[in-house]
C-alpha atoms as a PDB file:
ATOM      1  CA  MET A   1     169.894 266.227  46.334  1.00  0.00           C
ATOM      2  CA  PRO A   2     168.138 263.015  47.819  1.00  0.00           C
ATOM      3  CA  ASN A   3     169.285 261.798  51.199  1.00  0.00           C
ATOM      4  CA  THR A   4     171.813 258.834  50.465  1.00  0.00           C
ATOM      5  CA  SER A   5     171.568 257.837  53.914  1.00  0.00           C
ATOM      6  CA  ALA A   6     168.237 256.618  53.574  1.00  0.00           C
ATOM      7  CA  LEU A   7     168.881 254.376  50.480  1.00  0.00           C
ATOM      8  CA  PRO A   8     169.860 250.756  51.155  1.00  0.00           C
ATOM      9  CA  SER A   9     173.423 250.142  50.543  1.00  0.00           C
ATOM     10  CA  GLU A  10     174.497 247.028  48.180  1.00  0.00           C
ATOM     11  CA  SER A  11     175.501 244.903  51.137  1.00  0.00           C
ATOM     12  CA  THR A  12     172.064 245.207  52.782  1.00  0.00           C
ATOM     13  CA  THR A  13     170.233 244.328  49.431  1.00  0.00           C
ATOM     14  CA  ALA A  14     172.514 241.678  48.275  1.00  0.00           C
ATOM     15  CA  ARG A  15     170.522 238.910  46.237  1.00  0.00           C
ATOM     16  CA  ALA A  16     170.832 235.297  47.259  1.00  0.00           C
ATOM     17  CA  PRO A  17     172.558 233.549  44.323  1.00  0.00           C
ATOM     18  CA  GLU A  18     170.335 232.272  41.530  1.00  0.00           C
ATOM     19  CA  PHE A  19     169.247 228.805  41.671  1.00  0.00           C
ATOM     20  CA  ARG A  20     170.089 226.685  38.574  1.00  0.00           C
ATOM     21  CA  TRP A  21     167.579 223.836  37.870  1.00  0.00           C
ATOM     22  CA  SER A  22     169.172 220.649  37.432  1.00  0.00           C
ATOM     23  CA  HIS A  23     167.426 217.973  35.259  1.00  0.00           C
ATOM     24  CA  GLN A  24     166.395 215.914  38.206  1.00  0.00           C
ATOM     25  CA  ALA A  25     165.254 218.973  40.365  1.00  0.00           C
ATOM     26  CA  THR A  26     162.942 219.786  37.370  1.00  0.00           C
ATOM     27  CA  LYS A  27     161.559 216.433  37.107  1.00  0.00           C
ATOM     28  CA  ILE A  28     160.889 216.545  41.005  1.00  0.00           C
ATOM     29  CA  LEU A  29     159.171 220.134  40.578  1.00  0.00           C
ATOM     30  CA  ILE A  30     156.905 218.569  37.583  1.00  0.00           C
ATOM     31  CA  GLU A  31     155.955 215.611  40.080  1.00  0.00           C
ATOM     32  CA  VAL A  32     155.313 217.895  43.209  1.00  0.00           C
ATOM     33  CA  TYR A  33     153.335 220.332  41.115  1.00  0.00           C
ATOM     34  CA  GLY A  34     151.155 217.389  39.836  1.00  0.00           C
ATOM     35  CA  THR A  35     150.192 216.428  43.307  1.00  0.00           C
ATOM     36  CA  PHE A  36     149.515 219.956  44.593  1.00  0.00           C
ATOM     37  CA  LYS A  37     147.854 221.063  41.312  1.00  0.00           C
ATOM     38  CA  ARG A  38     144.790 218.661  42.115  1.00  0.00           C
ATOM     39  CA  LYS A  39     144.581 220.079  45.979  1.00  0.00           C
ATOM     40  CA  LEU A  40     144.457 223.430  44.893  1.00  0.00           C
ATOM     41  CA  GLY A  41     141.024 225.168  46.239  1.00  0.00           C
ATOM     42  CA  SER A  42     140.849 222.755  48.975  1.00  0.00           C
ATOM     43  CA  PHE A  43     141.479 223.490  52.403  1.00  0.00           C
ATOM     44  CA  ASP A  44     144.976 222.271  52.349  1.00  0.00           C
ATOM     45  CA  VAL A  45     145.925 224.696  49.468  1.00  0.00           C
ATOM     46  CA  LYS A  46     143.496 227.527  49.231  1.00  0.00           C
ATOM     47  CA  ASN A  47     145.295 229.508  46.562  1.00  0.00           C
ATOM     48  CA  SER A  48     148.115 229.451  44.124  1.00  0.00           C
ATOM     49  CA  LYS A  49     150.282 231.442  46.364  1.00  0.00           C
ATOM     50  CA  MET A  50     149.840 228.884  49.053  1.00  0.00           C
ATOM     51  CA  MET A  51     150.466 225.945  46.663  1.00  0.00           C
ATOM     52  CA  TRP A  52     153.690 227.522  45.326  1.00  0.00           C
ATOM     53  CA  TRP A  53     154.895 228.107  48.984  1.00  0.00           C
ATOM     54  CA  LYS A  54     153.893 224.344  49.837  1.00  0.00           C
ATOM     55  CA  ILE A  55     155.770 223.036  46.504  1.00  0.00           C
ATOM     56  CA  SER A  56     159.062 224.937  47.712  1.00  0.00           C
ATOM     57  CA  GLN A  57     158.717 223.599  51.196  1.00  0.00           C
ATOM     58  CA  ALA A  58     158.350 220.251  49.664  1.00  0.00           C
ATOM     59  CA  LEU A  59     161.226 220.635  47.372  1.00  0.00           C
ATOM     60  CA  LEU A  60     163.311 221.941  50.646  1.00  0.00           C
ATOM     61  CA  ASP A  61     162.388 218.713  52.283  1.00  0.00           C
ATOM     62  CA  LEU A  62     164.186 216.891  49.543  1.00  0.00           C
ATOM     63  CA  ASN A  63     167.157 219.368  50.125  1.00  0.00           C
ATOM     64  CA  ILE A  64     166.513 221.481  47.011  1.00  0.00           C
ATOM     65  CA  LYS A  65     166.541 225.077  48.225  1.00  0.00           C
ATOM     66  CA  VAL A  66     164.362 227.116  45.975  1.00  0.00           C
ATOM     67  CA  THR A  67     162.123 229.934  46.577  1.00  0.00           C
ATOM     68  CA  PRO A  68     158.196 229.836  45.817  1.00  0.00           C
ATOM     69  CA  ASN A  69     159.122 232.494  42.974  1.00  0.00           C
ATOM     70  CA  ASN A  70     161.750 230.100  41.550  1.00  0.00           C
ATOM     71  CA  CYS A  71     159.122 227.169  41.508  1.00  0.00           C
ATOM     72  CA  MET A  72     156.630 229.346  39.817  1.00  0.00           C
ATOM     73  CA  ASN A  73     158.793 230.733  37.164  1.00  0.00           C
ATOM     74  CA  ARG A  74     160.340 227.466  36.225  1.00  0.00           C
ATOM     75  CA  TRP A  75     156.760 225.991  35.842  1.00  0.00           C
ATOM     76  CA  ARG A  76     155.858 228.889  33.489  1.00  0.00           C
ATOM     77  CA  VAL A  77     158.953 228.304  31.532  1.00  0.00           C
ATOM     78  CA  LEU A  78     158.136 224.653  31.305  1.00  0.00           C
ATOM     79  CA  GLU A  79     154.609 225.074  30.535  1.00  0.00           C
ATOM     80  CA  ARG A  80     155.429 227.535  27.737  1.00  0.00           C
ATOM     81  CA  ASN A  81     157.920 225.532  26.235  1.00  0.00           C
ATOM     82  CA  TYR A  82     155.569 222.243  26.177  1.00  0.00           C
ATOM     83  CA  LYS A  83     152.834 224.087  24.546  1.00  0.00           C
ATOM     84  CA  LYS A  84     155.384 225.103  21.894  1.00  0.00           C
ATOM     85  CA  TYR A  85     156.491 221.751  21.345  1.00  0.00           C
ATOM     86  CA  VAL A  86     153.047 220.474  21.285  1.00  0.00           C
ATOM     87  CA  ASP A  87     152.316 223.422  18.775  1.00  0.00           C
ATOM     88  CA  ASN A  88     154.977 222.258  16.629  1.00  0.00           C
ATOM     89  CA  GLN A  89     154.173 218.801  16.627  1.00  0.00           C
ATOM     90  CA  ARG A  90     150.877 219.440  15.351  1.00  0.00           C
ATOM     91  CA  GLN A  91     152.171 221.523  12.248  1.00  0.00           C
ATOM     92  CA  THR A  92     152.879 219.864   9.100  1.00  0.00           C
ATOM     93  CA  GLY A  93     156.125 220.348   7.155  1.00  0.00           C
ATOM     94  CA  ARG A  94     157.832 221.646  10.295  1.00  0.00           C
ATOM     95  CA  GLY A  95     161.140 220.114  11.579  1.00  0.00           C
ATOM     96  CA  ARG A  96     160.199 217.967  14.505  1.00  0.00           C
ATOM     97  CA  THR A  97     161.680 219.446  17.812  1.00  0.00           C
ATOM     98  CA  PHE A  98     162.703 217.824  21.112  1.00  0.00           C
ATOM     99  CA  PHE A  99     161.149 218.463  24.422  1.00  0.00           C
ATOM    100  CA  GLU A 100     163.244 217.068  27.579  1.00  0.00           C
ATOM    101  CA  TYR A 101     160.225 216.658  29.724  1.00  0.00           C
ATOM    102  CA  LYS A 102     157.606 215.504  27.493  1.00  0.00           C
ATOM    103  CA  HIS A 103     156.651 212.299  29.217  1.00  0.00           C
ATOM    104  CA  GLU A 104     156.304 214.018  32.701  1.00  0.00           C
ATOM    105  CA  MET A 105     154.458 217.173  31.365  1.00  0.00           C
ATOM    106  CA  GLU A 106     151.939 214.768  29.436  1.00  0.00           C
ATOM    107  CA  GLU A 107     151.248 213.165  32.810  1.00  0.00           C
ATOM    108  CA  VAL A 108     150.530 216.324  34.462  1.00  0.00           C
ATOM    109  CA  PHE A 109     148.250 217.746  31.533  1.00  0.00           C
ATOM    110  CA  LEU A 110     146.775 214.314  31.170  1.00  0.00           C
ATOM    111  CA  LYS A 111     145.617 214.098  34.909  1.00  0.00           C
ATOM    112  CA  LYS A 112     144.364 217.728  34.481  1.00  0.00           C
ATOM    113  CA  LYS A 113     142.051 216.690  31.388  1.00  0.00           C
ATOM    114  CA  ILE A 114     140.697 213.738  33.172  1.00  0.00           C
ATOM    115  CA  SER A 115     139.813 215.956  36.324  1.00  0.00           C
ATOM    116  CA  ILE A 116     137.861 218.556  34.040  1.00  0.00           C
ATOM    117  CA  LEU A 117     136.033 215.512  32.133  1.00  0.00           C
ATOM    118  CA  ASN A 118     135.129 213.944  35.799  1.00  0.00           C
ATOM    119  CA  CYS A 119     133.832 217.252  37.071  1.00  0.00           C
ATOM    120  CA  CYS A 120     130.685 217.315  34.845  1.00  0.00           C
END
């Protein structure tokens, strides 16, 4: 029989309440991501883990209390949904879909394309 005294109790492993992303917080995340993504690989932001930490700190300065994991997960969902939206727009005969953050995401991805073109 396992020693139950060595297992953490529920009170010690209580998780923080899940953060609910508001429309405004999501727009701010997209904007902040765009600024830090360009710095990725520089002395300021050496790797993606540091980038997400800095993004969460920037949001904390704006009184949006999120963890780096919250930011990363939200970005992944946004990116996946944006790519689905773009793919749907290219299909003929499909019902058109609506993506709430279309303009903000286009700015981020447009800057990404421009930086790729300027590198060579």
